[in-house]
Amino acid sequence: MRSGTGRGHSDAMDERRTVKVSKYLSTHLRHQPERIGLTLDAHGWVAVEELLSAAARHGFTVTRDELDHVVAFNDKRRFTIDGDRIRANQGHTVTVDLDLPETEPPAYLYHGTAPHALEAIRAEGLRPMGRHHVHLSPDRETATRVGARRGRPVVLSVHAGAMFRAGHAFRVSANGVWLADAVPPEYLRFPG
């Protein structure tokens, strides 16, 4: 099974094309496969050739080499190719079962967010919103990068070990993102 490595950039594709293909794949492997006529299987997989053909039919030609490059060099390791099939590693808004086993998390995980979300998080905890899971990072640095996508980041600590001991399930995706159904407010530590 190949997953993106994030170890650098090859000259095989320029950065703009890499980002464009990655965004296209995210849209159609996580959110709107039907838009280009794809049907993901129950676990989010689709045949690589089916994806490439559907993209070409809808005016977005991607070569197999470009696809392999995006999977191998995507800094967030968003996709996995397994033989002749591909899927997004997490972040789906369409119903899929990633078939990830429950896994004991480290004592603490982290969640990057924006200041405007703090009031709701204090009251309700972390909820998946439009996704199927809450996404948690294994370290503060990653959570800071995630939170910075929405402006000035705020990093929350999640007492994952205590949650797990209380019966909450955790899973970890192929790219190291920890997934939980929700995080109640009592397991969150806010900065300051």
N, C-alpha and C. Protein backbone atom coordinates (compact mmCIF):
# COMPACT_ATOMS: atom_id res chain seq x y z
N MET A 1 0.85 -1.17 0.00
CA MET A 1 0.00 0.00 0.00
C MET A 1 0.90 1.23 0.00
N ARG A 2 0.61 2.16 -0.90
CA ARG A 2 1.40 3.38 -0.96
C ARG A 2 0.58 4.52 -0.39
N SER A 3 1.27 5.32 0.36
CA SER A 3 0.63 6.50 0.92
C SER A 3 1.60 7.63 0.69
N GLY A 4 1.11 8.85 0.63
CA GLY A 4 2.00 9.99 0.41
C GLY A 4 3.05 10.07 1.49
N THR A 5 4.25 10.52 1.12
CA THR A 5 5.35 10.58 2.07
C THR A 5 5.58 11.96 2.62
N GLY A 6 5.27 12.97 1.84
CA GLY A 6 5.48 14.34 2.30
C GLY A 6 6.95 14.68 2.46
N ARG A 7 7.87 13.92 1.83
CA ARG A 7 9.29 14.15 2.06
C ARG A 7 9.91 15.15 1.11
N GLY A 8 9.13 15.79 0.31
CA GLY A 8 9.75 16.75 -0.58
C GLY A 8 8.99 16.88 -1.87
N HIS A 9 9.61 17.55 -2.81
CA HIS A 9 8.93 17.80 -4.08
C HIS A 9 9.84 17.36 -5.21
N SER A 10 9.29 16.64 -6.12
CA SER A 10 10.01 16.19 -7.29
C SER A 10 9.73 17.18 -8.43
N ASP A 11 10.57 17.18 -9.43
CA ASP A 11 10.37 18.06 -10.57
C ASP A 11 9.36 17.49 -11.55
N ALA A 12 8.76 16.32 -11.27
CA ALA A 12 7.83 15.69 -12.19
C ALA A 12 6.59 16.53 -12.46
N MET A 13 6.19 17.36 -11.51
CA MET A 13 5.01 18.21 -11.65
C MET A 13 5.30 19.53 -10.97
N ASP A 14 4.82 20.61 -11.57
CA ASP A 14 5.01 21.87 -10.86
C ASP A 14 4.02 21.96 -9.70
N GLU A 15 4.33 22.80 -8.75
CA GLU A 15 3.56 22.89 -7.51
C GLU A 15 2.11 23.28 -7.76
N ARG A 16 1.86 24.20 -8.68
CA ARG A 16 0.47 24.61 -8.96
C ARG A 16 -0.36 23.45 -9.48
N ARG A 17 0.20 22.66 -10.37
CA ARG A 17 -0.52 21.51 -10.91
C ARG A 17 -0.76 20.47 -9.80
N THR A 18 0.25 20.25 -8.97
CA THR A 18 0.11 19.31 -7.86
C THR A 18 -1.05 19.72 -6.96
N VAL A 19 -1.12 20.99 -6.60
CA VAL A 19 -2.20 21.48 -5.73
C VAL A 19 -3.55 21.34 -6.42
N LYS A 20 -3.60 21.68 -7.71
CA LYS A 20 -4.85 21.60 -8.46
C LYS A 20 -5.37 20.16 -8.51
N VAL A 21 -4.49 19.21 -8.79
CA VAL A 21 -4.89 17.80 -8.85
C VAL A 21 -5.31 17.32 -7.45
N SER A 22 -4.57 17.71 -6.42
CA SER A 22 -4.92 17.31 -5.06
C SER A 22 -6.29 17.82 -4.66
N LYS A 23 -6.59 19.06 -4.97
CA LYS A 23 -7.90 19.63 -4.64
C LYS A 23 -9.00 18.91 -5.42
N TYR A 24 -8.74 18.60 -6.67
CA TYR A 24 -9.71 17.88 -7.48
C TYR A 24 -9.99 16.51 -6.87
N LEU A 25 -8.94 15.82 -6.49
CA LEU A 25 -9.10 14.50 -5.87
C LEU A 25 -9.87 14.60 -4.56
N SER A 26 -9.53 15.59 -3.74
CA SER A 26 -10.24 15.77 -2.47
C SER A 26 -11.73 15.97 -2.70
N THR A 27 -12.06 16.83 -3.65
CA THR A 27 -13.48 17.08 -3.93
C THR A 27 -14.20 15.80 -4.31
N HIS A 28 -13.60 14.99 -5.16
CA HIS A 28 -14.31 13.85 -5.72
C HIS A 28 -14.11 12.54 -4.97
N LEU A 29 -13.10 12.45 -4.12
CA LEU A 29 -12.91 11.24 -3.32
C LEU A 29 -13.41 11.41 -1.89
N ARG A 30 -13.70 12.66 -1.48
CA ARG A 30 -14.17 12.91 -0.11
C ARG A 30 -15.59 13.46 -0.05
N HIS A 31 -15.97 14.25 -1.04
CA HIS A 31 -17.20 15.02 -0.90
C HIS A 31 -18.25 14.80 -2.00
N GLN A 32 -17.84 14.79 -3.25
CA GLN A 32 -18.82 14.75 -4.35
C GLN A 32 -18.42 13.78 -5.46
N PRO A 33 -18.29 12.49 -5.16
CA PRO A 33 -17.91 11.56 -6.22
C PRO A 33 -18.95 11.51 -7.34
N GLU A 34 -20.21 11.66 -6.98
CA GLU A 34 -21.29 11.58 -7.97
C GLU A 34 -21.21 12.69 -9.00
N ARG A 35 -20.57 13.78 -8.67
CA ARG A 35 -20.45 14.93 -9.57
C ARG A 35 -19.78 14.55 -10.89
N ILE A 36 -18.87 13.56 -10.82
CA ILE A 36 -18.21 13.11 -12.05
C ILE A 36 -18.58 11.65 -12.37
N GLY A 37 -19.64 11.16 -11.72
CA GLY A 37 -20.12 9.83 -12.03
C GLY A 37 -19.40 8.70 -11.32
N LEU A 38 -18.70 8.99 -10.24
CA LEU A 38 -18.02 7.94 -9.48
C LEU A 38 -18.94 7.38 -8.41
N THR A 39 -18.72 6.12 -8.09
CA THR A 39 -19.36 5.50 -6.95
C THR A 39 -18.26 4.87 -6.11
N LEU A 40 -18.06 5.39 -4.92
CA LEU A 40 -17.07 4.83 -4.01
C LEU A 40 -17.64 3.56 -3.41
N ASP A 41 -16.78 2.59 -3.12
CA ASP A 41 -17.29 1.40 -2.43
C ASP A 41 -17.54 1.75 -0.97
N ALA A 42 -17.99 0.80 -0.19
CA ALA A 42 -18.37 1.05 1.20
C ALA A 42 -17.22 1.60 2.04
N HIS A 43 -15.99 1.36 1.61
CA HIS A 43 -14.82 1.80 2.37
C HIS A 43 -14.10 2.98 1.72
N GLY A 44 -14.74 3.59 0.73
CA GLY A 44 -14.19 4.79 0.12
C GLY A 44 -13.29 4.56 -1.08
N TRP A 45 -13.11 3.32 -1.49
CA TRP A 45 -12.21 3.00 -2.60
C TRP A 45 -12.93 3.14 -3.94
N VAL A 46 -12.15 3.49 -4.97
CA VAL A 46 -12.61 3.48 -6.35
C VAL A 46 -11.43 3.04 -7.22
N ALA A 47 -11.71 2.38 -8.31
CA ALA A 47 -10.65 1.95 -9.21
C ALA A 47 -9.94 3.18 -9.79
N VAL A 48 -8.62 3.13 -9.84
CA VAL A 48 -7.82 4.23 -10.37
C VAL A 48 -8.24 4.55 -11.80
N GLU A 49 -8.39 3.53 -12.64
CA GLU A 49 -8.77 3.77 -14.04
C GLU A 49 -10.15 4.41 -14.14
N GLU A 50 -11.06 4.01 -13.26
CA GLU A 50 -12.39 4.61 -13.25
C GLU A 50 -12.30 6.10 -12.89
N LEU A 51 -11.49 6.43 -11.90
CA LEU A 51 -11.28 7.83 -11.52
C LEU A 51 -10.68 8.63 -12.67
N LEU A 52 -9.63 8.12 -13.28
CA LEU A 52 -8.96 8.84 -14.37
C LEU A 52 -9.90 9.04 -15.56
N SER A 53 -10.68 8.01 -15.89
CA SER A 53 -11.64 8.12 -17.01
C SER A 53 -12.73 9.13 -16.70
N ALA A 54 -13.27 9.07 -15.48
CA ALA A 54 -14.33 10.02 -15.10
C ALA A 54 -13.82 11.45 -15.12
N ALA A 55 -12.61 11.67 -14.62
CA ALA A 55 -12.04 13.02 -14.62
C ALA A 55 -11.89 13.51 -16.06
N ALA A 56 -11.37 12.66 -16.94
CA ALA A 56 -11.18 13.06 -18.34
C ALA A 56 -12.51 13.37 -19.02
N ARG A 57 -13.53 12.55 -18.76
CA ARG A 57 -14.86 12.80 -19.33
C ARG A 57 -15.44 14.15 -18.89
N HIS A 58 -15.00 14.62 -17.73
CA HIS A 58 -15.50 15.88 -17.20
C HIS A 58 -14.49 17.02 -17.36
N GLY A 59 -13.58 16.85 -18.32
CA GLY A 59 -12.70 17.94 -18.69
C GLY A 59 -11.49 18.18 -17.81
N PHE A 60 -11.13 17.21 -16.97
CA PHE A 60 -9.97 17.37 -16.11
C PHE A 60 -9.08 16.15 -16.28
N THR A 61 -8.22 16.19 -17.29
CA THR A 61 -7.37 15.05 -17.59
C THR A 61 -6.21 14.98 -16.60
N VAL A 62 -6.06 13.81 -16.00
CA VAL A 62 -4.96 13.53 -15.06
C VAL A 62 -4.31 12.24 -15.55
N THR A 63 -2.99 12.24 -15.67
CA THR A 63 -2.28 11.03 -16.06
C THR A 63 -2.03 10.16 -14.83
N ARG A 64 -1.74 8.91 -15.07
CA ARG A 64 -1.41 8.02 -13.95
C ARG A 64 -0.15 8.50 -13.25
N ASP A 65 0.82 9.01 -14.00
CA ASP A 65 2.05 9.53 -13.39
C ASP A 65 1.74 10.72 -12.48
N GLU A 66 0.85 11.61 -12.93
CA GLU A 66 0.46 12.76 -12.08
C GLU A 66 -0.23 12.29 -10.81
N LEU A 67 -1.12 11.32 -10.97
CA LEU A 67 -1.83 10.78 -9.81
C LEU A 67 -0.84 10.18 -8.81
N ASP A 68 0.07 9.36 -9.31
CA ASP A 68 1.08 8.75 -8.43
C ASP A 68 1.92 9.81 -7.74
N HIS A 69 2.26 10.88 -8.46
CA HIS A 69 3.05 11.96 -7.88
C HIS A 69 2.30 12.64 -6.74
N VAL A 70 1.02 12.95 -6.97
CA VAL A 70 0.23 13.62 -5.94
C VAL A 70 0.11 12.74 -4.70
N VAL A 71 -0.12 11.46 -4.89
CA VAL A 71 -0.23 10.55 -3.74
C VAL A 71 1.10 10.49 -2.99
N ALA A 72 2.20 10.40 -3.72
CA ALA A 72 3.51 10.24 -3.08
C ALA A 72 4.01 11.51 -2.40
N PHE A 73 3.68 12.68 -2.96
CA PHE A 73 4.31 13.91 -2.47
C PHE A 73 3.35 14.88 -1.80
N ASN A 74 2.09 14.52 -1.63
CA ASN A 74 1.16 15.40 -0.94
C ASN A 74 1.62 15.57 0.50
N ASP A 75 1.79 16.83 0.92
CA ASP A 75 2.34 17.10 2.25
C ASP A 75 1.43 16.59 3.37
N LYS A 76 0.15 16.43 3.11
CA LYS A 76 -0.77 15.94 4.14
C LYS A 76 -1.10 14.47 3.98
N ARG A 77 -0.50 13.82 2.98
CA ARG A 77 -0.71 12.40 2.71
C ARG A 77 -2.21 12.08 2.71
N ARG A 78 -2.94 12.81 1.91
CA ARG A 78 -4.40 12.71 1.89
C ARG A 78 -4.94 11.44 1.24
N PHE A 79 -4.15 10.78 0.39
CA PHE A 79 -4.65 9.68 -0.42
C PHE A 79 -3.77 8.45 -0.28
N THR A 80 -4.38 7.29 -0.53
CA THR A 80 -3.66 6.02 -0.55
C THR A 80 -4.03 5.28 -1.82
N ILE A 81 -3.03 4.73 -2.49
CA ILE A 81 -3.25 3.82 -3.61
C ILE A 81 -2.90 2.43 -3.10
N ASP A 82 -3.81 1.50 -3.32
CA ASP A 82 -3.62 0.11 -2.94
C ASP A 82 -3.89 -0.72 -4.18
N GLY A 83 -2.83 -1.14 -4.85
CA GLY A 83 -2.99 -1.88 -6.10
C GLY A 83 -3.61 -1.01 -7.17
N ASP A 84 -4.81 -1.38 -7.63
CA ASP A 84 -5.45 -0.63 -8.71
C ASP A 84 -6.58 0.26 -8.20
N ARG A 85 -6.57 0.58 -6.90
CA ARG A 85 -7.62 1.43 -6.35
C ARG A 85 -7.03 2.55 -5.49
N ILE A 86 -7.85 3.58 -5.30
CA ILE A 86 -7.41 4.77 -4.57
C ILE A 86 -8.54 5.22 -3.65
N ARG A 87 -8.17 5.86 -2.53
CA ARG A 87 -9.16 6.50 -1.67
C ARG A 87 -8.52 7.65 -0.91
N ALA A 88 -9.37 8.52 -0.41
CA ALA A 88 -8.93 9.56 0.51
C ALA A 88 -8.78 8.92 1.89
N ASN A 89 -7.80 9.37 2.66
CA ASN A 89 -7.52 8.75 3.95
C ASN A 89 -8.50 9.16 5.05
N GLN A 90 -9.08 10.33 4.96
CA GLN A 90 -10.08 10.78 5.92
C GLN A 90 -10.67 12.09 5.43
N GLY A 91 -11.63 12.65 6.18
CA GLY A 91 -12.21 13.93 5.83
C GLY A 91 -13.44 13.86 4.96
N HIS A 92 -14.02 12.68 4.85
CA HIS A 92 -15.19 12.49 3.99
C HIS A 92 -16.44 13.17 4.54
N THR A 93 -17.23 13.71 3.63
CA THR A 93 -18.58 14.14 3.98
C THR A 93 -19.59 13.17 3.41
N VAL A 94 -19.18 12.30 2.50
CA VAL A 94 -20.04 11.23 2.01
C VAL A 94 -19.87 10.04 2.96
N THR A 95 -20.87 9.19 3.00
CA THR A 95 -20.84 8.07 3.93
C THR A 95 -19.90 6.98 3.44
N VAL A 96 -18.85 6.74 4.21
CA VAL A 96 -17.93 5.63 3.97
C VAL A 96 -17.50 5.09 5.33
N ASP A 97 -17.14 3.83 5.35
CA ASP A 97 -16.58 3.20 6.54
C ASP A 97 -15.12 2.93 6.21
N LEU A 98 -14.22 3.70 6.78
CA LEU A 98 -12.81 3.56 6.46
C LEU A 98 -12.22 2.25 7.00
N ASP A 99 -13.04 1.51 7.75
CA ASP A 99 -12.63 0.20 8.24
C ASP A 99 -11.33 0.29 9.05
N LEU A 100 -11.24 1.32 9.87
CA LEU A 100 -10.07 1.51 10.72
C LEU A 100 -10.35 0.90 12.08
N PRO A 101 -9.42 0.14 12.61
CA PRO A 101 -9.66 -0.47 13.93
C PRO A 101 -9.61 0.57 15.04
N GLU A 102 -10.33 0.31 16.11
CA GLU A 102 -10.21 1.17 17.28
C GLU A 102 -8.79 1.03 17.80
N THR A 103 -8.20 2.17 18.17
CA THR A 103 -6.80 2.20 18.58
C THR A 103 -6.68 3.06 19.83
N GLU A 104 -5.88 2.60 20.79
CA GLU A 104 -5.64 3.41 21.99
C GLU A 104 -4.79 4.62 21.61
N PRO A 105 -5.28 5.82 21.93
CA PRO A 105 -4.53 7.03 21.57
C PRO A 105 -3.45 7.34 22.60
N PRO A 106 -2.56 8.27 22.25
CA PRO A 106 -1.64 8.77 23.27
C PRO A 106 -2.43 9.53 24.34
N ALA A 107 -1.80 9.86 25.43
CA ALA A 107 -2.48 10.55 26.54
C ALA A 107 -3.14 11.85 26.07
N TYR A 108 -2.45 12.59 25.19
CA TYR A 108 -2.99 13.85 24.69
C TYR A 108 -2.91 13.91 23.17
N LEU A 109 -3.95 14.45 22.59
CA LEU A 109 -3.98 14.81 21.18
C LEU A 109 -4.32 16.30 21.12
N TYR A 110 -4.29 16.87 19.92
CA TYR A 110 -4.46 18.33 19.79
C TYR A 110 -5.41 18.66 18.65
N HIS A 111 -6.05 19.80 18.79
CA HIS A 111 -7.00 20.26 17.77
C HIS A 111 -6.76 21.74 17.50
N GLY A 112 -6.48 22.07 16.25
CA GLY A 112 -6.30 23.47 15.87
C GLY A 112 -7.61 24.07 15.40
N THR A 113 -7.92 25.25 15.87
CA THR A 113 -9.16 25.91 15.50
C THR A 113 -8.92 27.42 15.43
N ALA A 114 -9.99 28.15 15.21
CA ALA A 114 -9.92 29.62 15.13
C ALA A 114 -10.59 30.21 16.36
N PRO A 115 -10.19 31.41 16.77
CA PRO A 115 -10.76 32.03 17.97
C PRO A 115 -12.29 32.15 17.96
N HIS A 116 -12.87 32.43 16.81
CA HIS A 116 -14.32 32.62 16.74
C HIS A 116 -15.10 31.36 17.10
N ALA A 117 -14.46 30.19 17.06
CA ALA A 117 -15.15 28.92 17.35
C ALA A 117 -15.11 28.56 18.83
N LEU A 118 -14.32 29.27 19.62
CA LEU A 118 -14.09 28.85 21.01
C LEU A 118 -15.34 28.84 21.88
N GLU A 119 -16.20 29.82 21.74
CA GLU A 119 -17.40 29.87 22.58
C GLU A 119 -18.25 28.61 22.38
N ALA A 120 -18.49 28.24 21.13
CA ALA A 120 -19.28 27.04 20.85
C ALA A 120 -18.56 25.79 21.34
N ILE A 121 -17.25 25.74 21.18
CA ILE A 121 -16.49 24.56 21.62
C ILE A 121 -16.54 24.44 23.14
N ARG A 122 -16.44 25.55 23.84
CA ARG A 122 -16.53 25.50 25.31
C ARG A 122 -17.88 24.93 25.75
N ALA A 123 -18.93 25.27 25.04
CA ALA A 123 -20.29 24.83 25.40
C ALA A 123 -20.58 23.40 24.95
N GLU A 124 -20.15 23.04 23.74
CA GLU A 124 -20.57 21.77 23.13
C GLU A 124 -19.44 20.77 22.92
N GLY A 125 -18.22 21.18 23.12
CA GLY A 125 -17.09 20.32 22.80
C GLY A 125 -16.81 20.36 21.31
N LEU A 126 -16.01 19.42 20.84
CA LEU A 126 -15.70 19.33 19.41
C LEU A 126 -16.68 18.38 18.75
N ARG A 127 -17.30 18.83 17.69
CA ARG A 127 -18.25 18.03 16.93
C ARG A 127 -17.72 17.89 15.50
N PRO A 128 -18.13 16.86 14.79
CA PRO A 128 -17.59 16.66 13.44
C PRO A 128 -18.09 17.66 12.40
N MET A 129 -19.12 18.44 12.75
CA MET A 129 -19.71 19.40 11.82
C MET A 129 -20.16 18.65 10.56
N GLY A 130 -19.69 18.98 9.38
CA GLY A 130 -20.13 18.31 8.16
C GLY A 130 -19.42 17.01 7.87
N ARG A 131 -18.43 16.67 8.66
CA ARG A 131 -17.67 15.44 8.43
C ARG A 131 -18.20 14.32 9.32
N HIS A 132 -17.59 13.17 9.21
CA HIS A 132 -18.03 12.02 10.00
C HIS A 132 -17.31 11.92 11.34
N HIS A 133 -16.16 12.57 11.45
CA HIS A 133 -15.37 12.50 12.67
C HIS A 133 -14.74 13.85 12.99
N VAL A 134 -14.39 14.01 14.24
CA VAL A 134 -13.54 15.12 14.66
C VAL A 134 -12.10 14.70 14.33
N HIS A 135 -11.34 15.61 13.75
CA HIS A 135 -9.95 15.32 13.39
C HIS A 135 -9.03 15.87 14.46
N LEU A 136 -8.12 15.04 14.94
CA LEU A 136 -7.19 15.42 15.99
C LEU A 136 -5.77 15.16 15.51
N SER A 137 -4.85 16.00 15.95
CA SER A 137 -3.45 15.90 15.54
C SER A 137 -2.61 15.27 16.64
N PRO A 138 -1.55 14.57 16.26
CA PRO A 138 -0.70 13.93 17.27
C PRO A 138 0.25 14.89 17.99
N ASP A 139 0.40 16.12 17.45
CA ASP A 139 1.32 17.07 18.06
C ASP A 139 0.81 18.50 17.87
N ARG A 140 1.33 19.41 18.69
CA ARG A 140 0.91 20.81 18.65
C ARG A 140 1.25 21.48 17.32
N GLU A 141 2.40 21.13 16.75
CA GLU A 141 2.83 21.77 15.51
C GLU A 141 1.83 21.51 14.38
N THR A 142 1.41 20.26 14.26
CA THR A 142 0.43 19.92 13.22
C THR A 142 -0.89 20.64 13.48
N ALA A 143 -1.34 20.62 14.73
CA ALA A 143 -2.60 21.30 15.07
C ALA A 143 -2.51 22.80 14.80
N THR A 144 -1.35 23.38 15.01
CA THR A 144 -1.16 24.82 14.72
C THR A 144 -1.31 25.08 13.23
N ARG A 145 -0.72 24.22 12.39
CA ARG A 145 -0.86 24.38 10.93
C ARG A 145 -2.32 24.23 10.50
N VAL A 146 -3.02 23.26 11.09
CA VAL A 146 -4.43 23.06 10.76
C VAL A 146 -5.25 24.29 11.16
N GLY A 147 -5.05 24.78 12.35
CA GLY A 147 -5.79 25.94 12.83
C GLY A 147 -5.48 27.20 12.05
N ALA A 148 -4.27 27.30 11.52
CA ALA A 148 -3.85 28.50 10.78
C ALA A 148 -4.57 28.63 9.44
N ARG A 149 -5.22 27.58 8.98
CA ARG A 149 -5.98 27.68 7.72
C ARG A 149 -7.15 28.63 7.87
N ARG A 150 -7.57 28.91 9.09
CA ARG A 150 -8.72 29.78 9.35
C ARG A 150 -8.31 31.08 10.02
N GLY A 151 -7.07 31.44 9.93
CA GLY A 151 -6.60 32.68 10.57
C GLY A 151 -5.64 32.36 11.70
N ARG A 152 -5.66 33.19 12.72
CA ARG A 152 -4.77 32.99 13.87
C ARG A 152 -5.18 31.71 14.58
N PRO A 153 -4.27 30.73 14.71
CA PRO A 153 -4.67 29.45 15.27
C PRO A 153 -4.74 29.45 16.80
N VAL A 154 -5.66 28.66 17.31
CA VAL A 154 -5.75 28.35 18.72
C VAL A 154 -5.65 26.83 18.81
N VAL A 155 -4.76 26.34 19.67
CA VAL A 155 -4.57 24.90 19.80
C VAL A 155 -5.15 24.42 21.12
N LEU A 156 -6.06 23.47 21.03
CA LEU A 156 -6.68 22.87 22.20
C LEU A 156 -6.02 21.53 22.48
N SER A 157 -5.81 21.22 23.75
CA SER A 157 -5.33 19.90 24.14
C SER A 157 -6.53 19.02 24.44
N VAL A 158 -6.48 17.80 23.97
CA VAL A 158 -7.55 16.83 24.18
C VAL A 158 -7.00 15.72 25.07
N HIS A 159 -7.63 15.51 26.21
CA HIS A 159 -7.20 14.44 27.12
C HIS A 159 -7.73 13.11 26.58
N ALA A 160 -7.07 12.64 25.51
CA ALA A 160 -7.51 11.46 24.78
C ALA A 160 -7.41 10.20 25.63
N GLY A 161 -6.38 10.09 26.44
CA GLY A 161 -6.24 8.92 27.29
C GLY A 161 -7.44 8.75 28.23
N ALA A 162 -7.86 9.84 28.85
CA ALA A 162 -9.01 9.79 29.76
C ALA A 162 -10.29 9.47 28.98
N MET A 163 -10.43 10.04 27.79
CA MET A 163 -11.60 9.73 26.96
C MET A 163 -11.65 8.24 26.63
N PHE A 164 -10.51 7.71 26.24
CA PHE A 164 -10.44 6.29 25.87
C PHE A 164 -10.81 5.42 27.07
N ARG A 165 -10.26 5.74 28.24
CA ARG A 165 -10.58 4.95 29.44
C ARG A 165 -12.06 5.05 29.79
N ALA A 166 -12.71 6.16 29.39
CA ALA A 166 -14.15 6.33 29.65
C ALA A 166 -15.02 5.67 28.58
N GLY A 167 -14.40 5.03 27.60
CA GLY A 167 -15.16 4.28 26.61
C GLY A 167 -15.32 4.94 25.25
N HIS A 168 -14.68 6.08 25.02
CA HIS A 168 -14.75 6.74 23.71
C HIS A 168 -13.79 6.04 22.74
N ALA A 169 -14.25 5.85 21.51
CA ALA A 169 -13.45 5.17 20.50
C ALA A 169 -12.57 6.16 19.73
N PHE A 170 -11.38 5.73 19.42
CA PHE A 170 -10.44 6.48 18.58
C PHE A 170 -9.97 5.57 17.46
N ARG A 171 -9.72 6.19 16.31
CA ARG A 171 -9.14 5.49 15.18
C ARG A 171 -8.07 6.40 14.61
N VAL A 172 -7.12 5.83 13.92
CA VAL A 172 -6.08 6.65 13.30
C VAL A 172 -6.03 6.32 11.82
N SER A 173 -6.08 7.36 10.98
CA SER A 173 -6.08 7.16 9.53
C SER A 173 -4.68 6.85 9.03
N ALA A 174 -4.60 6.46 7.77
CA ALA A 174 -3.31 6.08 7.17
C ALA A 174 -2.31 7.23 7.18
N ASN A 175 -2.80 8.47 7.25
CA ASN A 175 -1.88 9.61 7.26
C ASN A 175 -1.68 10.20 8.65
N GLY A 176 -2.04 9.45 9.70
CA GLY A 176 -1.72 9.86 11.06
C GLY A 176 -2.71 10.81 11.71
N VAL A 177 -3.86 11.05 11.08
CA VAL A 177 -4.88 11.89 11.69
C VAL A 177 -5.72 11.01 12.61
N TRP A 178 -5.88 11.45 13.85
CA TRP A 178 -6.70 10.71 14.81
C TRP A 178 -8.14 11.13 14.64
N LEU A 179 -9.06 10.16 14.71
CA LEU A 179 -10.47 10.40 14.48
C LEU A 179 -11.28 9.99 15.71
N ALA A 180 -12.21 10.86 16.11
CA ALA A 180 -13.13 10.56 17.21
C ALA A 180 -14.51 11.01 16.77
N ASP A 181 -15.54 10.38 17.32
CA ASP A 181 -16.91 10.78 16.97
C ASP A 181 -17.20 12.19 17.45
N ALA A 182 -16.72 12.55 18.61
CA ALA A 182 -16.89 13.88 19.21
C ALA A 182 -15.94 13.96 20.39
N VAL A 183 -15.71 15.18 20.88
CA VAL A 183 -14.91 15.37 22.09
C VAL A 183 -15.73 16.24 23.05
N PRO A 184 -16.24 15.64 24.14
CA PRO A 184 -17.00 16.44 25.10
C PRO A 184 -16.11 17.53 25.73
N PRO A 185 -16.71 18.65 26.13
CA PRO A 185 -15.91 19.78 26.63
C PRO A 185 -15.05 19.44 27.85
N GLU A 186 -15.50 18.50 28.67
CA GLU A 186 -14.72 18.18 29.88
C GLU A 186 -13.37 17.55 29.57
N TYR A 187 -13.14 17.11 28.33
CA TYR A 187 -11.85 16.53 27.95
C TYR A 187 -10.94 17.52 27.23
N LEU A 188 -11.36 18.76 27.19
CA LEU A 188 -10.59 19.80 26.47
C LEU A 188 -9.87 20.71 27.45
N ARG A 189 -8.67 21.10 27.06
CA ARG A 189 -7.91 22.09 27.81
C ARG A 189 -7.70 23.27 26.86
N PHE A 190 -8.18 24.43 27.29
CA PHE A 190 -8.09 25.64 26.47
C PHE A 190 -6.84 26.42 26.88
N PRO A 191 -6.19 27.08 25.92
CA PRO A 191 -5.00 27.87 26.28
C PRO A 191 -5.39 29.09 27.12
N GLY A 192 -4.42 29.54 27.90
CA GLY A 192 -4.58 30.77 28.68
C GLY A 192 -5.52 30.60 29.78
